[in-house]
Amino acid sequence: MKILIPTDGSIYSSNAARVAAKIALKHEYELIVLHVVPDKGFSRKTWQKEGADSVISTITDILVESGCDSDKIEVLIEDGSAPEKIVEVAKDRGVDRIVIGTQGKNGLKKLVGSVTEKVLQISDVLVLVVPPNYII
């Protein structure tokens, strides 16, 4: 099973990583951790690169601490629109499942988050949305 874990550095992404690890360990797995840097038409600044590296590192640490093999974790940092890039990477890499966190507020966009909502709308891949209060 190939699982894509999009991350924005939030606690919600950390929760999603823990769920993805739990699923992965029950299967033959490959994990892809993706962070998308918004493309504003400029080249990526040093602080954006350092921030993206930190976000990715946090999620890979969670996966390894959860028992996943670091050799089975691929990391990607992409520029662009997060929802479109998540779906594009999932398709290009032959992902079986996207595991994504969400915020819990009011209304659909706030309930699942605007990025998560858009991924749900445009993805052909199964999307598992991890609620904010889900604890493993």
N, C-alpha and C. Protein backbone atom coordinates (compact mmCIF):
# COMPACT_ATOMS: atom_id res chain seq x y z
N MET A 1 0.85 -1.18 0.00
CA MET A 1 0.00 0.00 0.00
C MET A 1 0.89 1.23 0.00
N LYS A 2 0.57 2.14 -0.88
CA LYS A 2 1.31 3.40 -0.97
C LYS A 2 0.41 4.50 -0.42
N ILE A 3 0.90 5.19 0.61
CA ILE A 3 0.11 6.21 1.31
C ILE A 3 0.78 7.57 1.18
N LEU A 4 -0.01 8.56 0.80
CA LEU A 4 0.44 9.94 0.72
C LEU A 4 -0.03 10.68 1.96
N ILE A 5 0.90 11.37 2.62
CA ILE A 5 0.57 12.16 3.81
C ILE A 5 0.93 13.62 3.52
N PRO A 6 -0.05 14.42 3.11
CA PRO A 6 0.22 15.85 2.92
C PRO A 6 0.35 16.51 4.30
N THR A 7 1.28 17.45 4.42
CA THR A 7 1.45 18.10 5.71
C THR A 7 1.63 19.60 5.54
N ASP A 8 1.06 20.31 6.50
CA ASP A 8 1.23 21.77 6.54
C ASP A 8 1.92 22.19 7.83
N GLY A 9 2.39 21.22 8.60
CA GLY A 9 3.08 21.53 9.85
C GLY A 9 2.17 21.65 11.05
N SER A 10 0.89 21.43 10.86
CA SER A 10 -0.06 21.57 11.96
C SER A 10 -0.17 20.30 12.78
N ILE A 11 -0.78 20.41 13.95
CA ILE A 11 -1.06 19.25 14.78
C ILE A 11 -1.98 18.28 14.05
N TYR A 12 -2.83 18.81 13.17
CA TYR A 12 -3.74 17.98 12.40
C TYR A 12 -2.97 17.06 11.45
N SER A 13 -1.89 17.57 10.89
CA SER A 13 -1.03 16.74 10.04
C SER A 13 -0.31 15.68 10.86
N SER A 14 0.09 16.04 12.05
CA SER A 14 0.74 15.07 12.94
C SER A 14 -0.21 13.93 13.28
N ASN A 15 -1.46 14.25 13.55
CA ASN A 15 -2.47 13.22 13.82
C ASN A 15 -2.63 12.32 12.60
N ALA A 16 -2.68 12.91 11.42
CA ALA A 16 -2.82 12.13 10.19
C ALA A 16 -1.62 11.20 10.00
N ALA A 17 -0.43 11.68 10.33
CA ALA A 17 0.77 10.84 10.20
C ALA A 17 0.69 9.63 11.13
N ARG A 18 0.19 9.82 12.32
CA ARG A 18 0.05 8.69 13.26
C ARG A 18 -0.95 7.65 12.74
N VAL A 19 -2.04 8.13 12.16
CA VAL A 19 -3.03 7.22 11.58
C VAL A 19 -2.42 6.50 10.37
N ALA A 20 -1.72 7.23 9.52
CA ALA A 20 -1.09 6.62 8.35
C ALA A 20 -0.09 5.55 8.76
N ALA A 21 0.67 5.81 9.82
CA ALA A 21 1.64 4.82 10.30
C ALA A 21 0.94 3.56 10.78
N LYS A 22 -0.14 3.74 11.50
CA LYS A 22 -0.90 2.59 11.99
C LYS A 22 -1.42 1.73 10.83
N ILE A 23 -1.91 2.38 9.80
CA ILE A 23 -2.40 1.66 8.61
C ILE A 23 -1.23 0.99 7.90
N ALA A 24 -0.16 1.73 7.71
CA ALA A 24 1.00 1.23 6.97
C ALA A 24 1.57 -0.04 7.60
N LEU A 25 1.66 -0.05 8.91
CA LEU A 25 2.28 -1.18 9.60
C LEU A 25 1.47 -2.47 9.50
N LYS A 26 0.24 -2.36 9.03
CA LYS A 26 -0.59 -3.55 8.85
C LYS A 26 -0.50 -4.09 7.42
N HIS A 27 0.29 -3.41 6.58
CA HIS A 27 0.41 -3.76 5.16
C HIS A 27 1.86 -3.67 4.73
N GLU A 28 2.14 -4.17 3.54
CA GLU A 28 3.40 -3.87 2.88
C GLU A 28 3.24 -2.42 2.43
N TYR A 29 4.13 -1.54 2.81
CA TYR A 29 3.84 -0.12 2.61
C TYR A 29 4.99 0.68 2.04
N GLU A 30 4.61 1.81 1.45
CA GLU A 30 5.48 2.91 1.09
C GLU A 30 4.76 4.16 1.54
N LEU A 31 5.49 5.09 2.12
CA LEU A 31 4.90 6.35 2.58
C LEU A 31 5.53 7.51 1.83
N ILE A 32 4.70 8.46 1.46
CA ILE A 32 5.18 9.68 0.82
C ILE A 32 4.68 10.85 1.66
N VAL A 33 5.62 11.63 2.18
CA VAL A 33 5.28 12.82 2.96
C VAL A 33 5.45 14.02 2.03
N LEU A 34 4.39 14.80 1.88
CA LEU A 34 4.39 15.92 0.95
C LEU A 34 4.08 17.23 1.65
N HIS A 35 4.92 18.22 1.39
CA HIS A 35 4.63 19.58 1.85
C HIS A 35 4.61 20.47 0.60
N VAL A 36 3.55 21.25 0.46
CA VAL A 36 3.41 22.14 -0.69
C VAL A 36 3.63 23.57 -0.24
N VAL A 37 4.59 24.22 -0.88
CA VAL A 37 4.87 25.64 -0.62
C VAL A 37 4.06 26.43 -1.63
N PRO A 38 3.20 27.35 -1.15
CA PRO A 38 2.39 28.13 -2.10
C PRO A 38 3.27 28.85 -3.12
N ASP A 39 2.89 28.74 -4.38
CA ASP A 39 3.64 29.35 -5.46
C ASP A 39 3.07 30.74 -5.72
N LYS A 40 3.84 31.74 -5.38
CA LYS A 40 3.39 33.12 -5.57
C LYS A 40 4.07 33.75 -6.79
N GLY A 41 4.70 32.90 -7.63
CA GLY A 41 5.37 33.42 -8.81
C GLY A 41 6.80 33.83 -8.55
N PHE A 42 7.29 33.61 -7.34
CA PHE A 42 8.67 33.95 -7.00
C PHE A 42 9.43 32.67 -6.71
N SER A 43 10.74 32.74 -6.76
CA SER A 43 11.51 31.56 -6.38
C SER A 43 11.42 31.37 -4.87
N ARG A 44 11.54 30.13 -4.46
CA ARG A 44 11.42 29.80 -3.04
C ARG A 44 12.54 30.48 -2.25
N LYS A 45 12.16 31.15 -1.18
CA LYS A 45 13.12 31.83 -0.32
C LYS A 45 13.76 30.83 0.63
N THR A 46 14.92 31.19 1.17
CA THR A 46 15.65 30.33 2.10
C THR A 46 14.79 29.96 3.29
N TRP A 47 14.07 30.93 3.85
CA TRP A 47 13.25 30.63 5.03
C TRP A 47 12.11 29.67 4.70
N GLN A 48 11.60 29.74 3.46
CA GLN A 48 10.55 28.80 3.06
C GLN A 48 11.12 27.39 2.95
N LYS A 49 12.33 27.26 2.41
CA LYS A 49 12.99 25.97 2.29
C LYS A 49 13.26 25.38 3.68
N GLU A 50 13.77 26.20 4.58
CA GLU A 50 14.05 25.74 5.94
C GLU A 50 12.76 25.35 6.66
N GLY A 51 11.71 26.14 6.47
CA GLY A 51 10.42 25.83 7.07
C GLY A 51 9.85 24.53 6.54
N ALA A 52 9.95 24.33 5.23
CA ALA A 52 9.45 23.10 4.61
C ALA A 52 10.24 21.90 5.12
N ASP A 53 11.54 22.03 5.21
CA ASP A 53 12.38 20.94 5.74
C ASP A 53 11.98 20.58 7.17
N SER A 54 11.69 21.58 7.97
CA SER A 54 11.29 21.37 9.37
C SER A 54 9.95 20.64 9.45
N VAL A 55 9.01 21.06 8.61
CA VAL A 55 7.68 20.44 8.58
C VAL A 55 7.80 18.96 8.19
N ILE A 56 8.57 18.69 7.15
CA ILE A 56 8.78 17.31 6.69
C ILE A 56 9.47 16.49 7.77
N SER A 57 10.47 17.05 8.40
CA SER A 57 11.23 16.34 9.44
C SER A 57 10.34 15.94 10.61
N THR A 58 9.45 16.83 11.01
CA THR A 58 8.53 16.53 12.11
C THR A 58 7.67 15.31 11.80
N ILE A 59 7.14 15.26 10.58
CA ILE A 59 6.27 14.15 10.20
C ILE A 59 7.07 12.86 10.05
N THR A 60 8.24 12.92 9.45
CA THR A 60 9.04 11.69 9.31
C THR A 60 9.46 11.17 10.68
N ASP A 61 9.75 12.06 11.61
CA ASP A 61 10.08 11.63 12.99
C ASP A 61 8.90 10.89 13.62
N ILE A 62 7.70 11.40 13.43
CA ILE A 62 6.50 10.75 13.97
C ILE A 62 6.34 9.36 13.35
N LEU A 63 6.54 9.25 12.05
CA LEU A 63 6.40 7.97 11.37
C LEU A 63 7.42 6.95 11.89
N VAL A 64 8.66 7.38 12.04
CA VAL A 64 9.71 6.48 12.53
C VAL A 64 9.44 6.09 13.98
N GLU A 65 9.06 7.06 14.80
CA GLU A 65 8.73 6.77 16.21
C GLU A 65 7.55 5.81 16.31
N SER A 66 6.68 5.81 15.31
CA SER A 66 5.52 4.92 15.30
C SER A 66 5.87 3.52 14.80
N GLY A 67 7.11 3.33 14.37
CA GLY A 67 7.56 2.00 13.95
C GLY A 67 7.80 1.84 12.47
N CYS A 68 7.62 2.88 11.69
CA CYS A 68 7.84 2.79 10.25
C CYS A 68 9.33 2.84 9.93
N ASP A 69 9.71 2.13 8.89
CA ASP A 69 11.10 2.06 8.43
C ASP A 69 11.42 3.32 7.63
N SER A 70 12.46 4.03 8.02
CA SER A 70 12.81 5.28 7.33
C SER A 70 13.13 5.06 5.85
N ASP A 71 13.56 3.85 5.49
CA ASP A 71 13.84 3.54 4.08
C ASP A 71 12.58 3.45 3.24
N LYS A 72 11.43 3.36 3.89
CA LYS A 72 10.16 3.26 3.17
C LYS A 72 9.41 4.59 3.17
N ILE A 73 10.12 5.66 3.55
CA ILE A 73 9.51 7.00 3.59
C ILE A 73 10.19 7.89 2.57
N GLU A 74 9.40 8.39 1.63
CA GLU A 74 9.89 9.35 0.64
C GLU A 74 9.36 10.72 1.03
N VAL A 75 10.19 11.73 0.88
CA VAL A 75 9.74 13.09 1.20
C VAL A 75 9.78 13.95 -0.05
N LEU A 76 8.75 14.79 -0.18
CA LEU A 76 8.65 15.69 -1.33
C LEU A 76 8.26 17.08 -0.85
N ILE A 77 8.92 18.07 -1.42
CA ILE A 77 8.53 19.46 -1.21
C ILE A 77 8.25 20.01 -2.60
N GLU A 78 7.02 20.45 -2.81
CA GLU A 78 6.59 20.93 -4.12
C GLU A 78 6.08 22.37 -4.00
N ASP A 79 6.17 23.09 -5.09
CA ASP A 79 5.61 24.44 -5.16
C ASP A 79 4.28 24.36 -5.91
N GLY A 80 3.31 25.16 -5.49
CA GLY A 80 2.05 25.21 -6.21
C GLY A 80 0.87 25.38 -5.30
N SER A 81 -0.28 25.04 -5.83
CA SER A 81 -1.53 25.07 -5.08
C SER A 81 -1.66 23.73 -4.36
N ALA A 82 -1.83 23.77 -3.06
CA ALA A 82 -1.81 22.54 -2.26
C ALA A 82 -2.79 21.47 -2.74
N PRO A 83 -4.07 21.77 -2.90
CA PRO A 83 -4.99 20.70 -3.31
C PRO A 83 -4.62 20.07 -4.65
N GLU A 84 -4.32 20.91 -5.62
CA GLU A 84 -3.99 20.39 -6.95
C GLU A 84 -2.70 19.58 -6.91
N LYS A 85 -1.71 20.05 -6.17
CA LYS A 85 -0.43 19.35 -6.10
C LYS A 85 -0.58 18.02 -5.36
N ILE A 86 -1.39 17.98 -4.31
CA ILE A 86 -1.64 16.74 -3.58
C ILE A 86 -2.23 15.69 -4.51
N VAL A 87 -3.24 16.07 -5.26
CA VAL A 87 -3.91 15.15 -6.18
C VAL A 87 -2.96 14.74 -7.31
N GLU A 88 -2.19 15.68 -7.81
CA GLU A 88 -1.23 15.39 -8.88
C GLU A 88 -0.17 14.37 -8.42
N VAL A 89 0.39 14.59 -7.24
CA VAL A 89 1.40 13.67 -6.70
C VAL A 89 0.78 12.29 -6.47
N ALA A 90 -0.42 12.25 -5.93
CA ALA A 90 -1.10 10.97 -5.69
C ALA A 90 -1.25 10.19 -7.00
N LYS A 91 -1.65 10.88 -8.04
CA LYS A 91 -1.84 10.23 -9.34
C LYS A 91 -0.50 9.80 -9.94
N ASP A 92 0.47 10.71 -9.94
CA ASP A 92 1.77 10.43 -10.54
C ASP A 92 2.52 9.30 -9.83
N ARG A 93 2.32 9.18 -8.53
CA ARG A 93 3.05 8.17 -7.75
C ARG A 93 2.25 6.89 -7.54
N GLY A 94 1.06 6.82 -8.08
CA GLY A 94 0.25 5.60 -7.94
C GLY A 94 -0.14 5.31 -6.50
N VAL A 95 -0.53 6.36 -5.80
CA VAL A 95 -0.90 6.26 -4.39
C VAL A 95 -2.23 5.52 -4.24
N ASP A 96 -2.32 4.69 -3.20
CA ASP A 96 -3.56 3.96 -2.90
C ASP A 96 -4.47 4.75 -1.98
N ARG A 97 -3.89 5.59 -1.14
CA ARG A 97 -4.69 6.32 -0.16
C ARG A 97 -3.98 7.61 0.22
N ILE A 98 -4.77 8.67 0.38
CA ILE A 98 -4.28 9.94 0.92
C ILE A 98 -4.81 10.02 2.35
N VAL A 99 -3.92 10.24 3.30
CA VAL A 99 -4.34 10.40 4.70
C VAL A 99 -4.02 11.84 5.07
N ILE A 100 -5.08 12.61 5.36
CA ILE A 100 -4.93 14.05 5.56
C ILE A 100 -5.68 14.47 6.81
N GLY A 101 -5.09 15.40 7.54
CA GLY A 101 -5.73 15.92 8.74
C GLY A 101 -6.67 17.06 8.41
N THR A 102 -7.45 17.43 9.39
CA THR A 102 -8.40 18.52 9.20
C THR A 102 -8.60 19.30 10.48
N GLN A 103 -9.06 20.51 10.32
CA GLN A 103 -9.42 21.33 11.47
C GLN A 103 -10.88 21.09 11.79
N GLY A 104 -11.28 21.33 13.01
CA GLY A 104 -12.68 21.16 13.36
C GLY A 104 -13.29 22.46 13.83
N LYS A 105 -14.01 23.13 12.95
CA LYS A 105 -14.69 24.37 13.30
C LYS A 105 -16.13 24.26 12.84
N ASN A 106 -16.72 25.30 12.28
CA ASN A 106 -18.11 25.26 11.82
C ASN A 106 -18.18 25.37 10.31
N GLY A 107 -19.19 24.74 9.72
CA GLY A 107 -19.36 24.79 8.28
C GLY A 107 -18.45 23.79 7.59
N LEU A 108 -18.80 23.37 6.38
CA LEU A 108 -18.03 22.35 5.68
C LEU A 108 -16.58 22.74 5.46
N LYS A 109 -16.34 23.95 4.94
CA LYS A 109 -14.96 24.37 4.70
C LYS A 109 -14.16 24.40 5.99
N LYS A 110 -14.77 24.89 7.06
CA LYS A 110 -14.06 24.94 8.32
C LYS A 110 -13.98 23.57 8.97
N LEU A 111 -14.98 22.74 8.74
CA LEU A 111 -14.98 21.40 9.32
C LEU A 111 -13.84 20.57 8.75
N VAL A 112 -13.71 20.54 7.45
CA VAL A 112 -12.65 19.73 6.86
C VAL A 112 -11.48 20.57 6.36
N GLY A 113 -11.59 21.87 6.39
CA GLY A 113 -10.53 22.73 5.89
C GLY A 113 -10.65 22.88 4.38
N SER A 114 -10.29 24.04 3.88
CA SER A 114 -10.48 24.30 2.46
C SER A 114 -9.59 23.42 1.59
N VAL A 115 -8.35 23.13 2.02
CA VAL A 115 -7.48 22.25 1.24
C VAL A 115 -8.06 20.85 1.22
N THR A 116 -8.44 20.35 2.38
CA THR A 116 -9.01 19.00 2.47
C THR A 116 -10.29 18.91 1.65
N GLU A 117 -11.14 19.91 1.74
CA GLU A 117 -12.38 19.90 0.97
C GLU A 117 -12.09 19.81 -0.53
N LYS A 118 -11.15 20.59 -1.00
CA LYS A 118 -10.82 20.59 -2.43
C LYS A 118 -10.22 19.24 -2.85
N VAL A 119 -9.36 18.66 -2.01
CA VAL A 119 -8.80 17.34 -2.31
C VAL A 119 -9.92 16.31 -2.42
N LEU A 120 -10.87 16.36 -1.50
CA LEU A 120 -12.00 15.44 -1.55
C LEU A 120 -12.80 15.60 -2.85
N GLN A 121 -12.91 16.82 -3.33
CA GLN A 121 -13.69 17.09 -4.54
C GLN A 121 -12.99 16.61 -5.81
N ILE A 122 -11.67 16.71 -5.86
CA ILE A 122 -10.98 16.46 -7.13
C ILE A 122 -10.16 15.16 -7.17
N SER A 123 -10.05 14.46 -6.08
CA SER A 123 -9.22 13.26 -6.04
C SER A 123 -9.96 12.02 -6.54
N ASP A 124 -9.25 11.22 -7.31
CA ASP A 124 -9.75 9.91 -7.72
C ASP A 124 -9.25 8.83 -6.76
N VAL A 125 -8.37 9.23 -5.84
CA VAL A 125 -7.78 8.32 -4.87
C VAL A 125 -8.58 8.39 -3.58
N LEU A 126 -8.70 7.26 -2.90
CA LEU A 126 -9.38 7.22 -1.60
C LEU A 126 -8.71 8.20 -0.64
N VAL A 127 -9.51 9.05 0.01
CA VAL A 127 -9.00 10.04 0.95
C VAL A 127 -9.54 9.71 2.34
N LEU A 128 -8.64 9.53 3.27
CA LEU A 128 -9.02 9.32 4.66
C LEU A 128 -8.76 10.63 5.40
N VAL A 129 -9.84 11.22 5.93
CA VAL A 129 -9.74 12.48 6.65
C VAL A 129 -9.72 12.19 8.14
N VAL A 130 -8.67 12.63 8.82
CA VAL A 130 -8.51 12.38 10.24
C VAL A 130 -9.04 13.58 11.01
N PRO A 131 -10.06 13.37 11.85
CA PRO A 131 -10.65 14.49 12.59
C PRO A 131 -9.67 15.03 13.64
N PRO A 132 -9.85 16.29 14.01
CA PRO A 132 -8.89 16.94 14.91
C PRO A 132 -8.77 16.33 16.29
N ASN A 133 -9.83 15.71 16.77
CA ASN A 133 -9.80 15.16 18.12
C ASN A 133 -9.50 13.67 18.16
N TYR A 134 -9.15 13.08 17.01
CA TYR A 134 -8.85 11.67 16.96
C TYR A 134 -7.50 11.42 17.64
N ILE A 135 -7.51 10.52 18.60
CA ILE A 135 -6.28 10.23 19.35
C ILE A 135 -5.99 8.74 19.21
N ILE A 136 -4.75 8.45 18.90
CA ILE A 136 -4.33 7.04 18.79
C ILE A 136 -3.69 6.63 20.10
